[in-house]
């Protein structure tokens, strides 16, 4: 081996042939460097490829998450807009019912809806995505949706209270005398008159309705039969208690068709017209009392 050179001998194990190669020390060093460099470059390239693949997968995952959050926010925004529109309609209905029923103003105000920072599902959300983090927007929308739901709950409570008030008014109307107790002719009204028996001035506490004997006498409102009986002056009579301070009285009856304690409904036949007691002819004497005082029955006749 000459100075500065290396001899490389390769022996074939099959044929036993032998080959010799001579290479300088500088050439060997360069070869080794090239081999090591190739390994390093190949390894770095493989590392970059693996890293890029992971980054691409992560980027794809983030894109899917972003799209999912965007769709979620758009859905929440759409639900909010729908709820706000429904609450505005409910509030308007609440006001109309209270006006019709002559009830005091009440219920939650729609300012609670309009004051919430709602977003348009098509424009505002997408624009805001560029300014705020999607997670923050999602949390904000959920919070606002919760506020709208709470307002809807308060509106529901208002309608329940409204229903109770209307029920009370309905009960009052049902138990308020409001129809003619019988068909006939009004022969004497409520107030002072000259007595047909004595000729003296007296106060007539009801109405006299002349009609044929046997004509049905109807309950003018729902109530309970308080008393039935016979009086020297009024003849056969019936007294009803309608509640809410209302009572009605029917006299000069021919036949009584109800009993004390019996519940009656508006329009139900309770007796028939007669000529019993102190009477100049067949007629019904009809009185309305409010809180113990006789009032003009004509104020409570609607038909």
Protein backbone atom coordinates (compact mmCIF):
# COMPACT_ATOMS: atom_id res chain seq x y z
CA UNK A 1 0.00 0.00 0.00
CA UNK A 2 1.52 3.25 -1.14
CA UNK A 3 1.66 6.30 1.08
CA UNK A 4 -1.58 8.30 1.16
CA UNK A 5 -3.62 5.53 -0.46
CA UNK A 6 -5.71 2.67 0.84
CA UNK A 7 -6.21 -0.69 -0.89
CA UNK A 8 -9.63 -2.32 -0.62
CA UNK A 9 -9.74 -6.05 -1.48
CA UNK A 10 -13.09 -7.69 -2.29
CA UNK A 11 -13.18 -11.54 -2.44
CA UNK A 12 -16.14 -13.33 -4.02
CA UNK A 13 -17.25 -16.21 -1.78
CA UNK A 14 -18.67 -18.13 -4.73
CA UNK A 15 -15.95 -18.10 -7.35
CA UNK A 16 -13.09 -17.15 -5.10
CA UNK A 17 -12.18 -14.22 -7.28
CA UNK A 18 -10.52 -11.24 -5.71
CA UNK A 19 -10.69 -7.57 -6.68
CA UNK A 20 -8.60 -4.70 -5.46
CA UNK A 21 -9.50 -1.02 -5.27
CA UNK A 22 -7.21 1.78 -4.36
CA UNK A 23 -8.56 5.01 -2.97
CA UNK A 24 -6.87 7.97 -1.46
CA UNK A 25 -7.51 8.91 2.13
CA UNK A 26 -9.09 12.22 0.96
CA UNK A 27 -11.47 10.40 -1.37
CA UNK A 28 -12.50 8.02 1.40
CA UNK A 29 -13.22 10.94 3.71
CA UNK A 30 -15.29 12.67 1.07
CA UNK A 31 -17.25 9.47 0.45
CA UNK A 32 -17.92 9.00 4.11
CA UNK A 33 -19.06 12.59 4.41
CA UNK A 34 -21.34 12.21 1.42
CA UNK A 35 -22.84 9.02 2.86
CA UNK A 36 -23.44 10.55 6.25
CA UNK A 37 -24.83 13.70 4.63
CA UNK A 38 -27.24 11.65 2.53
CA UNK A 39 -28.48 9.85 5.62
CA UNK A 40 -28.94 13.14 7.45
CA UNK A 41 -30.78 14.77 4.55
CA UNK A 42 -32.98 11.70 4.08
CA UNK A 43 -33.78 11.59 7.79
CA UNK A 44 -34.59 15.28 7.89
CA UNK A 45 -36.79 14.92 4.83
CA UNK A 46 -38.65 12.04 6.48
CA UNK A 47 -39.05 14.14 9.63
CA UNK A 48 -40.46 17.05 7.61
CA UNK A 49 -42.83 14.72 5.81
CA UNK A 50 -44.14 13.22 9.07
CA UNK A 51 -44.41 16.65 10.67
CA UNK A 52 -46.28 18.06 7.69
CA UNK A 53 -48.66 15.11 7.74
CA UNK A 54 -49.43 15.68 11.42
CA UNK A 55 -49.89 19.40 10.83
CA UNK A 56 -52.22 18.70 7.92
CA UNK A 57 -54.27 16.32 10.08
CA UNK A 58 -54.42 18.86 12.91
CA UNK A 59 -55.38 21.61 10.49
CA UNK A 60 -58.14 19.44 9.05
CA UNK A 61 -59.36 18.68 12.59
CA UNK A 62 -59.39 22.38 13.48
CA UNK A 63 -61.29 23.19 10.30
CA UNK A 64 -63.92 20.59 11.13
CA UNK A 65 -64.18 21.94 14.68
CA UNK A 66 -64.44 25.49 13.39
CA UNK A 67 -67.20 24.52 10.98
CA UNK A 68 -69.04 22.64 13.71
CA UNK A 69 -68.83 25.63 16.09
CA UNK A 70 -69.94 27.97 13.33
CA UNK A 71 -72.95 25.78 12.56
CA UNK A 72 -73.75 25.56 16.28
CA UNK A 73 -73.64 29.33 16.64
CA UNK A 74 -75.82 29.83 13.58
CA UNK A 75 -78.34 27.36 14.97
CA UNK A 76 -78.35 29.10 18.37
CA UNK A 77 -78.74 32.48 16.69
CA UNK A 78 -81.65 31.22 14.60
CA UNK A 79 -83.35 29.80 17.69
CA UNK A 80 -82.86 33.10 19.50
CA UNK A 81 -84.39 35.07 16.66
CA UNK A 82 -87.37 32.70 16.57
CA UNK A 83 -87.85 32.89 20.34
CA UNK A 84 -87.65 36.68 20.33
CA UNK A 85 -90.28 36.91 17.59
CA UNK A 86 -92.58 34.56 19.51
CA UNK A 87 -92.12 36.51 22.75
CA UNK A 88 -92.98 39.77 21.04
CA UNK A 89 -96.20 38.22 19.69
CA UNK A 90 -97.04 36.77 23.11
CA UNK A 91 -96.49 40.12 24.76
CA UNK A 92 -98.77 41.83 22.25
CA UNK A 93 -101.42 39.14 22.84
CA UNK A 94 -101.01 39.62 26.60
CA UNK A 95 -101.69 43.35 26.24
CA UNK A 96 -104.71 42.84 23.96
CA UNK A 97 -106.31 40.35 26.33
CA UNK A 98 -105.75 42.65 29.31
CA UNK A 99 -107.31 45.57 27.43
CA UNK A 100 -110.33 43.50 26.37
CA UNK A 101 -110.81 42.12 29.88
CA UNK A 102 -110.18 45.54 31.47
CA UNK A 103 -107.30 44.17 33.52
CA UNK A 104 -104.27 45.99 34.84
CA UNK A 105 -101.09 46.00 32.81
CA UNK A 106 -98.78 43.17 33.75
CA UNK A 107 -96.40 40.54 32.50
CA UNK A 108 -92.77 40.87 31.40
CA UNK A 109 -91.84 43.67 29.04
CA UNK A 110 -90.41 42.92 25.61
CA UNK A 111 -87.56 45.25 26.50
CA UNK A 112 -86.05 42.20 28.11
CA UNK A 113 -85.98 40.58 24.69
CA UNK A 114 -84.91 43.56 22.64
CA UNK A 115 -82.16 44.42 25.11
CA UNK A 116 -80.42 41.10 24.55
CA UNK A 117 -77.57 41.32 22.09
CA UNK A 118 -78.96 38.98 19.51
CA UNK A 119 -77.14 38.25 16.27
CA UNK A 120 -78.24 37.63 12.72
CA UNK A 121 -77.54 34.00 11.85
CA UNK A 122 -76.34 34.88 8.33
CA UNK A 123 -74.26 38.03 8.68
CA UNK A 124 -73.48 39.13 12.22
CA UNK A 125 -72.26 35.76 13.45
CA UNK A 126 -69.95 35.23 10.52
CA UNK A 127 -68.60 38.75 10.79
CA UNK A 128 -68.03 38.40 14.52
CA UNK A 129 -66.13 35.18 13.99
CA UNK A 130 -63.34 37.29 12.56
CA UNK A 131 -63.18 39.45 15.70
CA UNK A 132 -63.78 37.09 18.56
CA UNK A 133 -62.94 33.54 19.39
CA UNK A 134 -65.58 31.05 18.41
CA UNK A 135 -65.74 29.50 21.84
CA UNK A 136 -66.45 32.90 23.41
CA UNK A 137 -69.24 33.51 20.91
CA UNK A 138 -70.72 30.11 21.60
CA UNK A 139 -70.78 30.82 25.34
CA UNK A 140 -72.32 34.24 24.74
CA UNK A 141 -75.06 32.86 22.53
CA UNK A 142 -75.86 30.16 25.08
CA UNK A 143 -76.08 32.79 27.81
CA UNK A 144 -78.42 34.96 25.73
CA UNK A 145 -80.53 31.95 24.85
CA UNK A 146 -80.84 31.23 28.56
CA UNK A 147 -81.99 34.82 29.15
CA UNK A 148 -84.66 34.50 26.46
CA UNK A 149 -85.83 31.20 27.92
CA UNK A 150 -86.09 32.82 31.36
CA UNK A 151 -88.15 35.64 29.84
CA UNK A 152 -90.38 33.08 28.15
CA UNK A 153 -90.90 31.43 31.54
CA UNK A 154 -91.94 34.76 33.06
CA UNK A 155 -94.34 35.31 30.14
CA UNK A 156 -95.85 31.89 30.81
CA UNK A 157 -96.38 32.83 34.47
CA UNK A 158 -98.04 36.06 33.33
CA UNK A 159 -100.45 34.12 31.13
CA UNK A 160 -101.27 31.82 34.02
CA UNK A 161 -102.05 34.80 36.24
CA UNK A 162 -104.09 36.28 33.40
CA UNK A 163 -106.00 33.03 33.07
CA UNK A 164 -106.84 33.09 36.79
CA UNK A 165 -108.08 36.70 36.58
CA UNK A 166 -110.20 35.88 33.53
CA UNK A 167 -111.55 32.83 35.32
CA UNK A 168 -112.61 35.02 38.23
CA UNK A 169 -114.27 37.46 35.86
CA UNK A 170 -115.92 34.59 34.03
CA UNK A 171 -117.30 33.28 37.32
CA UNK A 172 -118.58 36.76 38.14
CA UNK A 173 -120.32 37.01 34.76
CA UNK A 174 -121.81 33.55 35.09
CA UNK A 175 -123.24 34.42 38.52
CA UNK A 176 -124.47 37.92 37.61
CA UNK A 177 -128.22 38.13 36.74
CA UNK A 178 -128.33 39.11 33.09
CA UNK A 179 -131.43 37.73 31.33
CA UNK A 180 -135.20 38.24 31.57
CA UNK A 181 -136.60 35.72 34.04
CA UNK A 182 -139.71 35.21 31.91
CA UNK A 183 -141.48 36.35 28.75
CA UNK A 184 -144.19 38.97 29.12
CA UNK A 185 -144.95 42.69 29.47
CA UNK A 186 -143.39 45.04 31.98
CA UNK A 187 -146.35 46.48 33.88
CA UNK A 188 -144.54 48.08 36.79
CA UNK A 189 -140.94 49.14 37.15
CA UNK A 190 -138.47 49.62 39.99
CA UNK A 191 -138.99 52.64 42.27
CA UNK A 192 -141.83 54.64 43.85
CA UNK A 193 -145.40 54.00 42.68
CA UNK A 194 -148.98 54.31 43.84
CA UNK A 195 -150.17 51.07 45.44
CA UNK A 196 -152.93 49.33 43.41
CA UNK A 197 -154.46 48.19 46.71
CA UNK A 198 -154.19 51.21 49.03
CA UNK A 199 -153.63 54.07 46.58
CA UNK A 200 -150.77 55.24 48.76
CA UNK A 201 -147.26 56.04 47.54
CA UNK A 202 -144.90 53.10 48.12
CA UNK A 203 -141.50 51.86 46.97
CA UNK A 204 -141.63 48.95 44.54
CA UNK A 205 -138.41 46.93 44.95
CA UNK A 206 -138.62 44.98 41.73
CA UNK A 207 -140.27 44.49 38.36
CA UNK A 208 -143.76 43.18 37.60
CA UNK A 209 -143.91 41.16 34.37
CA UNK A 210 -147.42 40.24 33.25
CA UNK A 211 -147.85 37.00 31.32
CA UNK A 212 -149.98 33.89 31.17
CA UNK A 213 -150.18 31.37 33.99
CA UNK A 214 -147.75 28.50 33.59
CA UNK A 215 -145.16 30.53 31.67
CA UNK A 216 -141.69 29.24 32.68
CA UNK A 217 -139.62 31.33 35.10
CA UNK A 218 -135.87 31.06 34.37
CA UNK A 219 -132.85 31.53 36.61
CA UNK A 220 -131.03 34.64 35.27
CA UNK A 221 -127.64 33.33 36.42
CA UNK A 222 -125.97 30.37 38.10
CA UNK A 223 -126.71 30.07 41.79
CA UNK A 224 -128.16 28.09 44.69
CA UNK A 225 -131.75 27.94 45.91
CA UNK A 226 -131.75 29.62 49.32
CA UNK A 227 -135.42 29.37 50.17
CA UNK A 228 -138.79 28.41 48.76
CA UNK A 229 -142.15 28.87 50.40
CA UNK A 230 -145.47 30.65 50.57
CA UNK A 231 -146.15 34.18 51.82
CA UNK A 232 -149.45 35.96 52.41
CA UNK A 233 -148.45 38.89 50.27
CA UNK A 234 -146.03 37.34 47.73
CA UNK A 235 -147.73 33.96 47.47
CA UNK A 236 -145.45 31.15 46.30
CA UNK A 237 -141.86 32.42 46.11
CA UNK A 238 -138.27 31.37 45.39
CA UNK A 239 -135.07 33.06 46.54
CA UNK A 240 -131.70 32.38 44.83
CA UNK A 241 -128.16 33.20 45.97
CA UNK A 242 -125.79 33.75 43.05
CA UNK A 243 -122.67 34.62 45.00
CA UNK A 244 -120.58 37.79 44.64
CA UNK A 245 -123.28 39.57 46.72
CA UNK A 246 -126.12 38.90 44.23
CA UNK A 247 -129.52 37.48 45.24
CA UNK A 248 -132.78 37.30 43.28
CA UNK A 249 -136.39 36.91 44.40
CA UNK A 250 -139.42 35.55 42.48
CA UNK A 251 -143.03 35.86 43.74
CA UNK A 252 -146.66 35.08 42.85
CA UNK A 253 -145.57 31.72 41.39
CA UNK A 254 -147.92 28.94 40.43
CA UNK A 255 -145.55 25.94 40.62
CA UNK A 256 -142.09 25.75 42.21
CA UNK A 257 -139.72 23.32 40.44
CA UNK A 258 -136.64 23.58 42.68
CA UNK A 259 -135.75 22.78 46.29
CA UNK A 260 -133.60 24.61 48.88
CA UNK A 261 -129.92 23.80 48.49
CA UNK A 262 -130.27 22.88 44.84
CA UNK A 263 -127.79 24.33 42.35
CA UNK A 264 -129.26 26.00 39.29
CA UNK A 265 -127.79 27.34 36.06
CA UNK A 266 -128.65 30.35 33.93
CA UNK A 267 -131.71 29.59 31.80
CA UNK A 268 -132.90 26.71 33.97
CA UNK A 269 -136.64 26.60 34.73
CA UNK A 270 -137.14 27.16 38.46
CA UNK A 271 -140.92 27.83 38.55
CA UNK A 272 -143.96 28.91 36.54
CA UNK A 273 -145.84 32.20 36.60
CA UNK A 274 -148.99 32.30 38.74
CA UNK A 275 -151.42 34.59 40.53
CA UNK A 276 -150.83 33.59 44.12
CA UNK A 277 -150.68 35.92 47.11
CA UNK A 278 -151.70 39.55 46.91
CA UNK A 279 -151.96 39.98 43.14
CA UNK A 280 -154.27 41.70 40.65
CA UNK A 281 -153.56 39.17 37.90
CA UNK A 282 -151.06 36.60 36.61
CA UNK A 283 -147.58 38.09 36.70
CA UNK A 284 -144.06 37.59 38.04
CA UNK A 285 -142.65 39.86 40.71
CA UNK A 286 -138.84 39.87 40.21
CA UNK A 287 -136.22 41.47 42.48
CA UNK A 288 -132.42 41.74 42.34
CA UNK A 289 -130.41 42.42 45.51
CA UNK A 290 -126.74 43.39 45.67
CA UNK A 291 -125.02 43.17 49.05
CA UNK A 292 -128.39 43.19 50.77
CA UNK A 293 -129.84 46.21 48.94
CA UNK A 294 -132.55 46.08 46.27
CA UNK A 295 -131.32 47.40 42.91
CA UNK A 296 -133.07 48.03 39.61
CA UNK A 297 -133.23 44.67 37.78
CA UNK A 298 -133.22 46.44 34.43
CA UNK A 299 -129.53 47.21 35.01
CA UNK A 300 -128.88 43.46 34.80
CA UNK A 301 -130.99 42.54 31.76
CA UNK A 302 -128.85 42.07 28.66
CA UNK A 303 -131.18 40.15 26.35
